[in-house]
Amino acid sequence: MNCDYLTRVWSPSNLIDVSDTVAMPGPLHIAASVFLPDPAKLASPPVVIFAFPGGGYSKGYFDVHPPGHRGYSQAEHHTGRGIVVVAADHLGVGASSIPDPMALSIEMLAAANDAAIRKISTRLAEGSLAGGFPPLPNLVRIAIGQSMGGCITIVMQGRMATCDAIACLGFSAIHTVLPQRSEAARQRGIAANKFFRNDDLRKALARGGAGDLDFVYPFHWEDVPGHPRRRHAGRLPDSQNQPAVGKRDRAGVRAPDAVAGLCGAGSGVNRGAGADRGR
């Protein structure tokens, strides 16, 4: 890869082969954008954040640049502090391979993300990821996942102990609850989304109520220009809507692994109507 610091990196070599990880017809690749800080400002020990988006979004979610507005790129924020950022699309999303969406499971998505993280980490440690960028031994790996990305990150970490730490943003391993403008609306949302991993999703959705939820309120502050929440939308496999991680997956995430389960949009913490919202 050829890299410009603080700039999104893209080339065919950013397609990480995960064909040997997922039992589906291949080839299968994870697409990733890599953001590199100035080597002189690298954190010590070096840190890399692997960022995975939520449902309906792709990796561009982590590098938003609305015209006329500055400071919305999470990747830029971290690289400015000496941290490497890798934003990746799940299988079935964005620029990654798009296999049969009905054949994908949460476990497959987690395994593919694990493989991508390990392969990219090896190249960072060896110094082979980007010309002119130094090797990063003793690399600290942190995975962050927004909403659905948080769900997959919990499964990945619980089953494969991929990273040194994780941060689940806007997802609860118990019951995700979207903040709403009123307590009544919040309770309707809880009732409409109360289903379990093995439930028939079509029957659960047929109960109604989810369509009444305000999805702008919990995800976007009023200063967001034009609420551009779908500008970087990716394709979403239907099977990614499987609702809950299991006890086995949660139990595998040990306390030192969990950096944060932030109380924002989609948090399982009861914050009440009109409470603080995720951004």
Foldseek 3Di string as FASTA:
>chain_A
DADDALDWDDDPVQWAFPCVQAPDDDRWTKHKTKHAADLVQADVLGEEEEEEEAAQFALCCQQDDPPPDDDNHVCSVVSVNRHMYMYIYFACKDPTDNDQLVPDALLRRLRSVLSSLVVVLVCQQVVNPHPPRDHRPPYAYEYEYEHLGLQSPLLNCLVPVRGQAYEYHQADQPFFWFAAQAQVLRVLCRCLPPDAQPDDVVVSNVVDSNVPGDPQVQADDPPPPPSPVNVRTIGGRPNSVRPHDDPSSNVSQDPSHYPYHDPAGRGPDPQGHPGHHHD
